[in-house]
Amino acid sequence: MTEPQLIFDQKIDLPYTYTIGKVQRTFLRGLAEGKLFASTDGARKFIPARPFAPDGSRLPETVEVEARGTVVASTRAGHLGGKVFALISIAGCDGAMLHLLEEPLEPGTPVEAVWEPDAEPGILALRAFRRAS
């Protein structure tokens, strides 16, 4: 005869402080200045900026890129009041940036950044993307 399984619901707290590196600092501070930075190894650029490429190679530098792109895909978040999130492809960069759109837009639509005035360094310094004018 098999014994019944015992299941315990428990919460395990693992408090820690994450200190971002040089590449992420440049990216987040740049947003507060109305600039978009990608990480690079000299040959490739990745957005959002990150310290490592998908193949594990280091991306030690950053380069400013145009804060314009193209909608790859989007979705409406009903549980967040209907906010629209999209994957944005930035020209010349690998990867896509997940961020808010001001309104629902179709894939392929050109967009530009909308900056939050006087923002602190952080992802919310980039308020959203809107249809490019």
N, C-alpha and C. Protein backbone atom coordinates (compact mmCIF):
# COMPACT_ATOMS: atom_id res chain seq x y z
N MET A 1 0.84 -1.18 0.00
CA MET A 1 0.00 0.00 0.00
C MET A 1 0.89 1.25 0.00
N THR A 2 0.53 2.20 -0.80
CA THR A 2 1.32 3.43 -0.90
C THR A 2 0.86 4.44 0.14
N GLU A 3 1.83 5.10 0.72
CA GLU A 3 1.49 6.14 1.69
C GLU A 3 1.06 7.41 0.98
N PRO A 4 0.11 8.14 1.53
CA PRO A 4 -0.32 9.39 0.89
C PRO A 4 0.81 10.44 0.96
N GLN A 5 0.87 11.27 -0.07
CA GLN A 5 1.89 12.33 -0.10
C GLN A 5 1.55 13.41 0.90
N LEU A 6 2.58 13.97 1.46
CA LEU A 6 2.40 15.11 2.35
C LEU A 6 2.83 16.36 1.59
N ILE A 7 1.98 17.35 1.57
CA ILE A 7 2.29 18.61 0.87
C ILE A 7 2.20 19.73 1.89
N PHE A 8 3.27 20.51 1.95
CA PHE A 8 3.32 21.64 2.86
C PHE A 8 3.39 22.92 2.04
N ASP A 9 2.47 23.84 2.26
CA ASP A 9 2.55 25.17 1.64
C ASP A 9 3.40 26.03 2.56
N GLN A 10 4.47 26.57 1.99
CA GLN A 10 5.34 27.43 2.79
C GLN A 10 5.95 28.50 1.92
N LYS A 11 6.36 29.56 2.55
CA LYS A 11 7.01 30.67 1.86
C LYS A 11 8.44 30.74 2.37
N ILE A 12 9.37 30.79 1.44
CA ILE A 12 10.79 30.89 1.80
C ILE A 12 11.29 32.25 1.33
N ASP A 13 11.71 33.08 2.23
CA ASP A 13 12.26 34.38 1.89
C ASP A 13 13.75 34.26 1.66
N LEU A 14 14.20 34.81 0.55
CA LEU A 14 15.63 34.85 0.24
C LEU A 14 16.01 36.30 -0.04
N PRO A 15 16.11 37.10 1.01
CA PRO A 15 16.41 38.52 0.79
C PRO A 15 17.82 38.71 0.23
N TYR A 16 17.95 39.61 -0.72
CA TYR A 16 19.26 39.94 -1.27
C TYR A 16 19.19 41.33 -1.88
N THR A 17 20.32 41.92 -2.11
CA THR A 17 20.41 43.20 -2.79
C THR A 17 21.14 42.97 -4.10
N TYR A 18 20.50 43.34 -5.19
CA TYR A 18 21.10 43.18 -6.51
C TYR A 18 21.73 44.50 -6.91
N THR A 19 23.00 44.49 -7.18
CA THR A 19 23.71 45.68 -7.61
C THR A 19 23.94 45.57 -9.11
N ILE A 20 23.38 46.52 -9.85
CA ILE A 20 23.53 46.46 -11.30
C ILE A 20 24.94 46.85 -11.71
N GLY A 21 25.34 46.36 -12.85
CA GLY A 21 26.68 46.62 -13.37
C GLY A 21 26.73 47.86 -14.25
N LYS A 22 27.88 48.09 -14.83
CA LYS A 22 28.16 49.28 -15.64
C LYS A 22 27.19 49.43 -16.81
N VAL A 23 26.96 48.34 -17.52
CA VAL A 23 26.10 48.39 -18.70
C VAL A 23 24.67 48.78 -18.32
N GLN A 24 24.13 48.15 -17.29
CA GLN A 24 22.77 48.47 -16.86
C GLN A 24 22.67 49.89 -16.31
N ARG A 25 23.71 50.33 -15.57
CA ARG A 25 23.70 51.72 -15.06
C ARG A 25 23.62 52.70 -16.21
N THR A 26 24.43 52.49 -17.24
CA THR A 26 24.42 53.38 -18.40
C THR A 26 23.05 53.39 -19.05
N PHE A 27 22.44 52.22 -19.20
CA PHE A 27 21.12 52.11 -19.81
C PHE A 27 20.08 52.90 -19.01
N LEU A 28 20.02 52.67 -17.69
CA LEU A 28 18.99 53.30 -16.86
C LEU A 28 19.23 54.80 -16.68
N ARG A 29 20.47 55.21 -16.53
CA ARG A 29 20.76 56.65 -16.44
C ARG A 29 20.48 57.34 -17.76
N GLY A 30 20.79 56.65 -18.85
CA GLY A 30 20.50 57.21 -20.17
C GLY A 30 19.01 57.48 -20.35
N LEU A 31 18.16 56.57 -19.89
CA LEU A 31 16.72 56.78 -20.00
C LEU A 31 16.31 58.07 -19.30
N ALA A 32 16.88 58.35 -18.15
CA ALA A 32 16.55 59.57 -17.41
C ALA A 32 17.01 60.82 -18.17
N GLU A 33 17.97 60.66 -19.07
CA GLU A 33 18.47 61.77 -19.88
C GLU A 33 17.82 61.80 -21.26
N GLY A 34 16.83 60.94 -21.49
CA GLY A 34 16.16 60.90 -22.78
C GLY A 34 16.99 60.25 -23.87
N LYS A 35 17.83 59.27 -23.48
CA LYS A 35 18.68 58.57 -24.43
C LYS A 35 18.50 57.07 -24.27
N LEU A 36 18.67 56.36 -25.37
CA LEU A 36 18.55 54.91 -25.35
C LEU A 36 19.90 54.30 -25.69
N PHE A 37 20.39 53.41 -24.82
CA PHE A 37 21.69 52.78 -25.00
C PHE A 37 21.53 51.28 -25.20
N ALA A 38 22.34 50.75 -26.12
CA ALA A 38 22.43 49.31 -26.34
C ALA A 38 23.80 48.86 -25.86
N SER A 39 23.92 47.59 -25.52
CA SER A 39 25.23 47.04 -25.18
C SER A 39 25.84 46.48 -26.47
N THR A 40 27.18 46.43 -26.51
CA THR A 40 27.85 45.99 -27.72
C THR A 40 29.17 45.30 -27.42
N ASP A 41 29.55 44.42 -28.34
CA ASP A 41 30.88 43.82 -28.31
C ASP A 41 31.72 44.38 -29.45
N GLY A 42 31.23 45.44 -30.07
CA GLY A 42 31.91 46.06 -31.20
C GLY A 42 31.33 45.63 -32.54
N ALA A 43 30.74 44.45 -32.58
CA ALA A 43 30.16 43.96 -33.83
C ALA A 43 28.63 43.91 -33.76
N ARG A 44 28.11 43.56 -32.59
CA ARG A 44 26.67 43.42 -32.42
C ARG A 44 26.18 44.39 -31.36
N LYS A 45 24.90 44.80 -31.47
CA LYS A 45 24.27 45.66 -30.47
C LYS A 45 23.02 44.94 -29.95
N PHE A 46 22.82 45.03 -28.63
CA PHE A 46 21.66 44.38 -28.00
C PHE A 46 20.87 45.40 -27.20
N ILE A 47 19.55 45.30 -27.35
CA ILE A 47 18.64 46.17 -26.61
C ILE A 47 17.63 45.29 -25.91
N PRO A 48 17.27 45.53 -24.67
CA PRO A 48 17.90 46.48 -23.77
C PRO A 48 19.33 46.07 -23.45
N ALA A 49 20.11 47.05 -23.02
CA ALA A 49 21.52 46.80 -22.71
C ALA A 49 21.63 45.73 -21.63
N ARG A 50 22.61 44.84 -21.80
CA ARG A 50 22.84 43.73 -20.86
C ARG A 50 24.33 43.40 -20.87
N PRO A 51 24.83 42.76 -19.85
CA PRO A 51 26.27 42.47 -19.79
C PRO A 51 26.71 41.28 -20.65
N PHE A 52 25.76 40.40 -21.02
CA PHE A 52 26.12 39.21 -21.79
C PHE A 52 25.16 39.01 -22.96
N ALA A 53 25.70 38.55 -24.08
CA ALA A 53 24.90 38.20 -25.25
C ALA A 53 24.23 36.85 -25.01
N PRO A 54 23.25 36.49 -25.82
CA PRO A 54 22.61 35.18 -25.65
C PRO A 54 23.58 34.01 -25.75
N ASP A 55 24.69 34.16 -26.46
CA ASP A 55 25.67 33.08 -26.55
C ASP A 55 26.65 33.07 -25.38
N GLY A 56 26.46 33.97 -24.42
CA GLY A 56 27.30 34.01 -23.22
C GLY A 56 28.52 34.90 -23.34
N SER A 57 28.78 35.45 -24.51
CA SER A 57 29.95 36.34 -24.65
C SER A 57 29.67 37.69 -23.99
N ARG A 58 30.74 38.32 -23.53
CA ARG A 58 30.63 39.60 -22.83
C ARG A 58 30.26 40.73 -23.78
N LEU A 59 29.47 41.66 -23.27
CA LEU A 59 29.12 42.88 -23.98
C LEU A 59 29.57 44.04 -23.10
N PRO A 60 30.85 44.40 -23.14
CA PRO A 60 31.41 45.31 -22.15
C PRO A 60 31.14 46.79 -22.37
N GLU A 61 30.68 47.17 -23.55
CA GLU A 61 30.50 48.59 -23.86
C GLU A 61 29.05 48.91 -24.17
N THR A 62 28.76 50.21 -24.21
CA THR A 62 27.43 50.66 -24.61
C THR A 62 27.58 51.68 -25.73
N VAL A 63 26.52 51.80 -26.50
CA VAL A 63 26.48 52.78 -27.58
C VAL A 63 25.07 53.34 -27.63
N GLU A 64 24.97 54.66 -27.84
CA GLU A 64 23.65 55.27 -27.94
C GLU A 64 23.02 54.88 -29.27
N VAL A 65 21.74 54.53 -29.24
CA VAL A 65 20.98 54.19 -30.44
C VAL A 65 19.76 55.11 -30.51
N GLU A 66 19.21 55.22 -31.71
CA GLU A 66 18.05 56.07 -31.90
C GLU A 66 16.87 55.50 -31.11
N ALA A 67 16.15 56.35 -30.42
CA ALA A 67 15.03 55.93 -29.58
C ALA A 67 13.76 55.80 -30.42
N ARG A 68 13.89 55.10 -31.51
CA ARG A 68 12.79 54.82 -32.44
C ARG A 68 12.87 53.35 -32.82
N GLY A 69 11.75 52.80 -33.16
CA GLY A 69 11.76 51.39 -33.53
C GLY A 69 10.49 51.00 -34.25
N THR A 70 10.22 49.69 -34.23
CA THR A 70 9.06 49.12 -34.90
C THR A 70 8.39 48.14 -33.96
N VAL A 71 7.06 48.17 -33.93
CA VAL A 71 6.30 47.22 -33.11
C VAL A 71 6.45 45.83 -33.73
N VAL A 72 6.88 44.88 -32.92
CA VAL A 72 6.98 43.48 -33.35
C VAL A 72 5.68 42.76 -33.00
N ALA A 73 5.20 42.96 -31.79
CA ALA A 73 3.96 42.35 -31.31
C ALA A 73 3.46 43.17 -30.14
N SER A 74 2.16 43.11 -29.87
CA SER A 74 1.62 43.84 -28.73
C SER A 74 0.45 43.08 -28.12
N THR A 75 0.14 43.44 -26.88
CA THR A 75 -0.97 42.82 -26.17
C THR A 75 -1.54 43.81 -25.16
N ARG A 76 -2.80 43.65 -24.87
CA ARG A 76 -3.45 44.50 -23.87
C ARG A 76 -3.52 43.72 -22.56
N ALA A 77 -3.13 44.36 -21.47
CA ALA A 77 -3.14 43.73 -20.15
C ALA A 77 -4.41 44.14 -19.41
N GLY A 78 -5.45 43.33 -19.54
CA GLY A 78 -6.72 43.65 -18.90
C GLY A 78 -6.61 43.76 -17.40
N HIS A 79 -5.73 42.96 -16.79
CA HIS A 79 -5.57 43.00 -15.33
C HIS A 79 -4.80 44.23 -14.86
N LEU A 80 -4.27 45.02 -15.80
CA LEU A 80 -3.55 46.26 -15.46
C LEU A 80 -4.27 47.47 -16.06
N GLY A 81 -5.57 47.41 -16.06
CA GLY A 81 -6.35 48.54 -16.54
C GLY A 81 -6.33 48.70 -18.05
N GLY A 82 -5.98 47.65 -18.78
CA GLY A 82 -5.98 47.73 -20.23
C GLY A 82 -4.73 48.32 -20.84
N LYS A 83 -3.66 48.47 -20.06
CA LYS A 83 -2.41 48.99 -20.62
C LYS A 83 -1.96 48.11 -21.78
N VAL A 84 -1.31 48.74 -22.76
CA VAL A 84 -0.84 48.02 -23.93
C VAL A 84 0.68 47.88 -23.85
N PHE A 85 1.15 46.65 -23.90
CA PHE A 85 2.58 46.35 -23.89
C PHE A 85 2.98 45.85 -25.27
N ALA A 86 4.21 46.14 -25.66
CA ALA A 86 4.68 45.70 -26.98
C ALA A 86 6.14 45.32 -26.93
N LEU A 87 6.54 44.47 -27.86
CA LEU A 87 7.95 44.23 -28.13
C LEU A 87 8.33 45.22 -29.22
N ILE A 88 9.36 46.01 -28.96
CA ILE A 88 9.82 47.03 -29.88
C ILE A 88 11.19 46.64 -30.41
N SER A 89 11.31 46.57 -31.72
CA SER A 89 12.59 46.30 -32.36
C SER A 89 13.25 47.64 -32.68
N ILE A 90 14.47 47.83 -32.21
CA ILE A 90 15.24 49.05 -32.47
C ILE A 90 16.18 48.75 -33.64
N ALA A 91 16.19 49.60 -34.66
CA ALA A 91 16.99 49.37 -35.86
C ALA A 91 18.45 49.14 -35.52
N GLY A 92 19.04 48.11 -36.11
CA GLY A 92 20.45 47.80 -35.92
C GLY A 92 20.76 47.03 -34.66
N CYS A 93 19.74 46.71 -33.86
CA CYS A 93 19.95 46.01 -32.60
C CYS A 93 19.33 44.62 -32.64
N ASP A 94 19.99 43.68 -31.98
CA ASP A 94 19.42 42.36 -31.78
C ASP A 94 18.50 42.41 -30.57
N GLY A 95 17.51 41.57 -30.56
CA GLY A 95 16.59 41.53 -29.43
C GLY A 95 15.47 42.54 -29.63
N ALA A 96 14.59 42.56 -28.70
CA ALA A 96 13.47 43.51 -28.71
C ALA A 96 13.25 43.99 -27.29
N MET A 97 12.72 45.18 -27.19
CA MET A 97 12.51 45.80 -25.89
C MET A 97 11.02 45.73 -25.55
N LEU A 98 10.69 45.17 -24.40
CA LEU A 98 9.31 45.12 -23.93
C LEU A 98 9.01 46.41 -23.20
N HIS A 99 7.97 47.13 -23.67
CA HIS A 99 7.61 48.37 -22.99
C HIS A 99 6.17 48.75 -23.34
N LEU A 100 5.68 49.79 -22.71
CA LEU A 100 4.32 50.28 -22.91
C LEU A 100 4.17 51.01 -24.24
N LEU A 101 2.97 50.92 -24.81
CA LEU A 101 2.56 51.76 -25.94
C LEU A 101 1.51 52.72 -25.44
N GLU A 102 1.43 53.91 -26.03
CA GLU A 102 0.39 54.85 -25.64
C GLU A 102 -0.99 54.39 -26.10
N GLU A 103 -1.02 53.60 -27.19
CA GLU A 103 -2.27 53.12 -27.76
C GLU A 103 -1.98 51.79 -28.46
N PRO A 104 -3.01 51.00 -28.71
CA PRO A 104 -2.78 49.75 -29.45
C PRO A 104 -2.28 50.06 -30.87
N LEU A 105 -1.25 49.36 -31.30
CA LEU A 105 -0.69 49.55 -32.64
C LEU A 105 -0.41 48.19 -33.26
N GLU A 106 -0.51 48.11 -34.56
CA GLU A 106 -0.28 46.88 -35.30
C GLU A 106 1.21 46.59 -35.44
N PRO A 107 1.58 45.32 -35.54
CA PRO A 107 2.98 44.99 -35.83
C PRO A 107 3.42 45.69 -37.11
N GLY A 108 4.68 46.16 -37.10
CA GLY A 108 5.22 46.88 -38.25
C GLY A 108 5.08 48.38 -38.16
N THR A 109 4.33 48.87 -37.16
CA THR A 109 4.13 50.31 -37.00
C THR A 109 5.39 50.96 -36.45
N PRO A 110 5.90 52.02 -37.08
CA PRO A 110 7.06 52.74 -36.54
C PRO A 110 6.65 53.51 -35.27
N VAL A 111 7.52 53.48 -34.26
CA VAL A 111 7.24 54.15 -32.99
C VAL A 111 8.46 54.95 -32.54
N GLU A 112 8.21 55.89 -31.63
CA GLU A 112 9.27 56.69 -31.03
C GLU A 112 9.04 56.77 -29.53
N ALA A 113 10.11 57.03 -28.80
CA ALA A 113 10.04 57.08 -27.34
C ALA A 113 9.35 58.35 -26.86
N VAL A 114 8.64 58.21 -25.74
CA VAL A 114 8.05 59.34 -25.03
C VAL A 114 8.70 59.33 -23.65
N TRP A 115 9.40 60.40 -23.33
CA TRP A 115 10.18 60.45 -22.09
C TRP A 115 9.38 61.11 -20.97
N GLU A 116 9.62 60.66 -19.76
CA GLU A 116 9.02 61.24 -18.55
C GLU A 116 9.91 62.40 -18.13
N PRO A 117 9.38 63.62 -18.06
CA PRO A 117 10.22 64.76 -17.66
C PRO A 117 10.73 64.62 -16.23
N ASP A 118 11.96 65.02 -16.01
CA ASP A 118 12.57 65.03 -14.67
C ASP A 118 12.53 63.68 -13.97
N ALA A 119 12.66 62.61 -14.71
CA ALA A 119 12.58 61.27 -14.14
C ALA A 119 13.90 60.86 -13.49
N GLU A 120 13.79 60.00 -12.51
CA GLU A 120 14.95 59.36 -11.90
C GLU A 120 15.44 58.28 -12.85
N PRO A 121 16.72 57.89 -12.75
CA PRO A 121 17.19 56.77 -13.57
C PRO A 121 16.37 55.51 -13.29
N GLY A 122 15.83 54.92 -14.33
CA GLY A 122 15.02 53.72 -14.20
C GLY A 122 14.19 53.53 -15.44
N ILE A 123 13.59 52.37 -15.56
CA ILE A 123 12.84 52.04 -16.77
C ILE A 123 11.64 52.95 -16.97
N LEU A 124 11.07 53.49 -15.90
CA LEU A 124 9.90 54.36 -16.03
C LEU A 124 10.24 55.76 -16.53
N ALA A 125 11.53 56.06 -16.70
CA ALA A 125 11.92 57.33 -17.32
C ALA A 125 11.50 57.33 -18.79
N LEU A 126 11.37 56.15 -19.36
CA LEU A 126 10.80 55.99 -20.70
C LEU A 126 9.31 55.71 -20.46
N ARG A 127 8.49 56.74 -20.60
CA ARG A 127 7.07 56.62 -20.28
C ARG A 127 6.39 55.56 -21.15
N ALA A 128 6.64 55.64 -22.46
CA ALA A 128 5.98 54.73 -23.41
C ALA A 128 6.58 54.95 -24.79
N PHE A 129 6.10 54.18 -25.74
CA PHE A 129 6.38 54.43 -27.15
C PHE A 129 5.06 54.86 -27.78
N ARG A 130 5.15 55.75 -28.79
CA ARG A 130 3.96 56.20 -29.52
C ARG A 130 4.24 56.09 -31.02
N ARG A 131 3.19 56.17 -31.80
CA ARG A 131 3.32 56.14 -33.26
C ARG A 131 4.29 57.25 -33.67
N ALA A 132 5.27 56.91 -34.48
CA ALA A 132 6.27 57.89 -34.92
C ALA A 132 5.62 58.94 -35.82
N SER A 133 6.04 60.19 -35.62
CA SER A 133 5.49 61.27 -36.45
C SER A 133 6.32 61.48 -37.70
